[in-house]
Amino acid sequence: KQTPLEQSLLLSDYINNSETSDFKIKVEKKEFLVHKEILALHSQHFYNLFVSTDLEELVALEFSFPSIFIMLEQIYSNYEKELSMLDVKILNELLRVSSFYKLPMLQEKVEKVD
């Protein structure tokens, strides 16, 4: 049986996997290939979006590439990645990201950073 950390490392292999992804998030002329089910499990915002539309991509105009990257990294690692080394500006933006996309686990983790 795998530990939660081993499972999260395997799950992180699926971000930007063109064979299994079913959704795109575009930010600053870059895109992430992601999975609706994974996003919906972590975010009420994405859950509501996916059950009410058949959207295949989202353009994230409100946030920077680093903050969306870190959001996805946190989701796909089951919040195992460390945040304490991040700049205050990025941490503040992550708080806005977590509020906007309704990611309570991310918000809680960011708020715990000293």
C-alpha atoms as a PDB file:
ATOM      1  CA  LYS A   1       0.000   0.000   0.000  1.00  0.00           C
ATOM      2  CA  GLN A   2       1.248   3.486  -0.891  1.00  0.00           C
ATOM      3  CA  THR A   3       1.610   6.279   1.613  1.00  0.00           C
ATOM      4  CA  PRO A   4      -0.349   9.531   1.004  1.00  0.00           C
ATOM      5  CA  LEU A   5       2.892  11.204  -0.061  1.00  0.00           C
ATOM      6  CA  GLU A   6       3.631   8.458  -2.611  1.00  0.00           C
ATOM      7  CA  GLN A   7       0.086   8.790  -3.952  1.00  0.00           C
ATOM      8  CA  SER A   8       0.429  12.565  -4.236  1.00  0.00           C
ATOM      9  CA  LEU A   9       3.703  12.199  -6.121  1.00  0.00           C
ATOM     10  CA  LEU A  10       1.983   9.911  -8.613  1.00  0.00           C
ATOM     11  CA  LEU A  11      -0.966  12.278  -8.961  1.00  0.00           C
ATOM     12  CA  SER A  12       1.380  15.168  -9.706  1.00  0.00           C
ATOM     13  CA  ASP A  13       2.591  13.207 -12.735  1.00  0.00           C
ATOM     14  CA  TYR A  14      -0.826  13.785 -14.318  1.00  0.00           C
ATOM     15  CA  ILE A  15      -0.724  17.567 -14.492  1.00  0.00           C
ATOM     16  CA  ASN A  16      -0.085  18.608 -18.099  1.00  0.00           C
ATOM     17  CA  ASN A  17      -0.724  15.044 -19.244  1.00  0.00           C
ATOM     18  CA  SER A  18      -2.353  15.393 -22.663  1.00  0.00           C
ATOM     19  CA  GLU A  19      -3.533  11.769 -22.643  1.00  0.00           C
ATOM     20  CA  THR A  20      -5.658  12.051 -19.503  1.00  0.00           C
ATOM     21  CA  SER A  21      -6.531  15.739 -19.100  1.00  0.00           C
ATOM     22  CA  ASP A  22      -9.994  17.037 -19.926  1.00  0.00           C
ATOM     23  CA  PHE A  23      -9.670  20.749 -19.118  1.00  0.00           C
ATOM     24  CA  LYS A  24      -7.273  23.649 -19.789  1.00  0.00           C
ATOM     25  CA  ILE A  25      -6.431  26.629 -17.638  1.00  0.00           C
ATOM     26  CA  LYS A  26      -4.803  29.420 -19.610  1.00  0.00           C
ATOM     27  CA  VAL A  27      -2.853  32.145 -17.880  1.00  0.00           C
ATOM     28  CA  GLU A  28      -0.339  34.641 -19.298  1.00  0.00           C
ATOM     29  CA  LYS A  29      -0.159  32.936 -22.716  1.00  0.00           C
ATOM     30  CA  LYS A  30       0.615  29.568 -21.123  1.00  0.00           C
ATOM     31  CA  GLU A  31      -1.710  26.687 -20.416  1.00  0.00           C
ATOM     32  CA  PHE A  32      -2.076  23.883 -17.938  1.00  0.00           C
ATOM     33  CA  LEU A  33      -3.720  20.605 -18.877  1.00  0.00           C
ATOM     34  CA  VAL A  34      -5.713  19.459 -15.872  1.00  0.00           C
ATOM     35  CA  HIS A  35      -8.569  17.209 -14.790  1.00  0.00           C
ATOM     36  CA  LYS A  36     -12.082  18.376 -14.024  1.00  0.00           C
ATOM     37  CA  GLU A  37     -12.638  15.691 -11.413  1.00  0.00           C
ATOM     38  CA  ILE A  38      -9.525  16.617  -9.443  1.00  0.00           C
ATOM     39  CA  LEU A  39     -10.335  20.337  -9.531  1.00  0.00           C
ATOM     40  CA  ALA A  40     -13.963  19.699  -8.564  1.00  0.00           C
ATOM     41  CA  LEU A  41     -12.913  17.581  -5.573  1.00  0.00           C
ATOM     42  CA  HIS A  42     -10.876  20.471  -4.172  1.00  0.00           C
ATOM     43  CA  SER A  43     -12.872  23.510  -5.263  1.00  0.00           C
ATOM     44  CA  GLN A  44     -16.546  24.390  -4.944  1.00  0.00           C
ATOM     45  CA  HIS A  45     -16.004  26.990  -7.675  1.00  0.00           C
ATOM     46  CA  PHE A  46     -14.804  24.387 -10.162  1.00  0.00           C
ATOM     47  CA  TYR A  47     -17.445  21.892  -9.069  1.00  0.00           C
ATOM     48  CA  ASN A  48     -20.202  24.435  -9.739  1.00  0.00           C
ATOM     49  CA  LEU A  49     -18.612  25.394 -13.048  1.00  0.00           C
ATOM     50  CA  PHE A  50     -18.364  21.814 -14.281  1.00  0.00           C
ATOM     51  CA  VAL A  51     -21.872  20.712 -13.307  1.00  0.00           C
ATOM     52  CA  SER A  52     -23.466  23.791 -14.889  1.00  0.00           C
ATOM     53  CA  THR A  53     -21.454  24.069 -18.139  1.00  0.00           C
ATOM     54  CA  ASP A  54     -19.536  21.934 -20.594  1.00  0.00           C
ATOM     55  CA  LEU A  55     -16.616  24.346 -20.608  1.00  0.00           C
ATOM     56  CA  GLU A  56     -13.324  22.881 -21.798  1.00  0.00           C
ATOM     57  CA  GLU A  57     -11.022  25.746 -20.872  1.00  0.00           C
ATOM     58  CA  LEU A  58     -10.710  28.684 -18.530  1.00  0.00           C
ATOM     59  CA  VAL A  59      -8.711  31.848 -19.071  1.00  0.00           C
ATOM     60  CA  ALA A  60      -7.475  33.092 -15.693  1.00  0.00           C
ATOM     61  CA  LEU A  61      -7.123  36.825 -16.260  1.00  0.00           C
ATOM     62  CA  GLU A  62      -7.340  37.732 -12.586  1.00  0.00           C
ATOM     63  CA  PHE A  63      -4.154  36.027 -11.434  1.00  0.00           C
ATOM     64  CA  SER A  64      -0.500  35.562 -12.365  1.00  0.00           C
ATOM     65  CA  PHE A  65       1.104  32.459 -13.813  1.00  0.00           C
ATOM     66  CA  PRO A  66       3.065  31.731 -10.595  1.00  0.00           C
ATOM     67  CA  SER A  67      -0.035  31.809  -8.406  1.00  0.00           C
ATOM     68  CA  ILE A  68      -2.041  29.497 -10.702  1.00  0.00           C
ATOM     69  CA  PHE A  69       0.961  27.181 -11.011  1.00  0.00           C
ATOM     70  CA  ILE A  70       1.308  26.998  -7.216  1.00  0.00           C
ATOM     71  CA  MET A  71      -2.438  26.478  -6.806  1.00  0.00           C
ATOM     72  CA  LEU A  72      -2.321  23.495  -9.170  1.00  0.00           C
ATOM     73  CA  GLU A  73       0.884  22.186  -7.628  1.00  0.00           C
ATOM     74  CA  GLN A  74      -0.797  22.254  -4.219  1.00  0.00           C
ATOM     75  CA  ILE A  75      -3.954  20.532  -5.467  1.00  0.00           C
ATOM     76  CA  TYR A  76      -2.062  17.835  -7.356  1.00  0.00           C
ATOM     77  CA  SER A  77       0.318  17.196  -4.451  1.00  0.00           C
ATOM     78  CA  ASN A  78      -2.542  17.039  -1.951  1.00  0.00           C
ATOM     79  CA  TYR A  79      -1.132  20.161  -0.280  1.00  0.00           C
ATOM     80  CA  GLU A  80       2.199  18.491   0.524  1.00  0.00           C
ATOM     81  CA  LYS A  81       4.424  21.117  -1.124  1.00  0.00           C
ATOM     82  CA  GLU A  82       6.044  23.679   1.172  1.00  0.00           C
ATOM     83  CA  LEU A  83       4.971  27.331   0.909  1.00  0.00           C
ATOM     84  CA  SER A  84       7.185  29.006   3.503  1.00  0.00           C
ATOM     85  CA  MET A  85       9.863  29.986   0.981  1.00  0.00           C
ATOM     86  CA  LEU A  86       7.454  32.005  -1.178  1.00  0.00           C
ATOM     87  CA  ASP A  87       7.515  35.766  -1.469  1.00  0.00           C
ATOM     88  CA  VAL A  88       4.869  37.683   0.510  1.00  0.00           C
ATOM     89  CA  LYS A  89       3.409  39.059  -2.738  1.00  0.00           C
ATOM     90  CA  ILE A  90       2.807  35.535  -4.051  1.00  0.00           C
ATOM     91  CA  LEU A  91       1.380  34.401  -0.716  1.00  0.00           C
ATOM     92  CA  ASN A  92      -1.070  37.305  -0.774  1.00  0.00           C
ATOM     93  CA  GLU A  93      -2.097  36.440  -4.305  1.00  0.00           C
ATOM     94  CA  LEU A  94      -2.518  32.790  -3.270  1.00  0.00           C
ATOM     95  CA  LEU A  95      -4.951  33.955  -0.602  1.00  0.00           C
ATOM     96  CA  ARG A  96      -6.959  35.730  -3.294  1.00  0.00           C
ATOM     97  CA  VAL A  97      -6.745  32.652  -5.548  1.00  0.00           C
ATOM     98  CA  SER A  98      -7.923  30.373  -2.744  1.00  0.00           C
ATOM     99  CA  SER A  99     -10.837  32.676  -1.975  1.00  0.00           C
ATOM    100  CA  PHE A 100     -11.837  33.154  -5.626  1.00  0.00           C
ATOM    101  CA  TYR A 101     -11.690  29.463  -6.519  1.00  0.00           C
ATOM    102  CA  LYS A 102     -13.049  28.379  -3.125  1.00  0.00           C
ATOM    103  CA  LEU A 103     -10.063  26.284  -2.055  1.00  0.00           C
ATOM    104  CA  PRO A 104     -10.307  26.107   1.754  1.00  0.00           C
ATOM    105  CA  MET A 105      -7.359  23.748   2.204  1.00  0.00           C
ATOM    106  CA  LEU A 106      -5.083  26.076   0.243  1.00  0.00           C
ATOM    107  CA  GLN A 107      -6.355  29.113   2.118  1.00  0.00           C
ATOM    108  CA  GLU A 108      -5.727  27.438   5.457  1.00  0.00           C
ATOM    109  CA  LYS A 109      -2.217  26.399   4.427  1.00  0.00           C
ATOM    110  CA  VAL A 110      -1.306  29.907   3.200  1.00  0.00           C
ATOM    111  CA  GLU A 111      -2.642  31.485   6.370  1.00  0.00           C
ATOM    112  CA  LYS A 112      -0.381  29.217   8.465  1.00  0.00           C
ATOM    113  CA  VAL A 113       2.797  30.451   6.733  1.00  0.00           C
ATOM    114  CA  ASP A 114       4.777  32.740   9.049  1.00  0.00           C
END
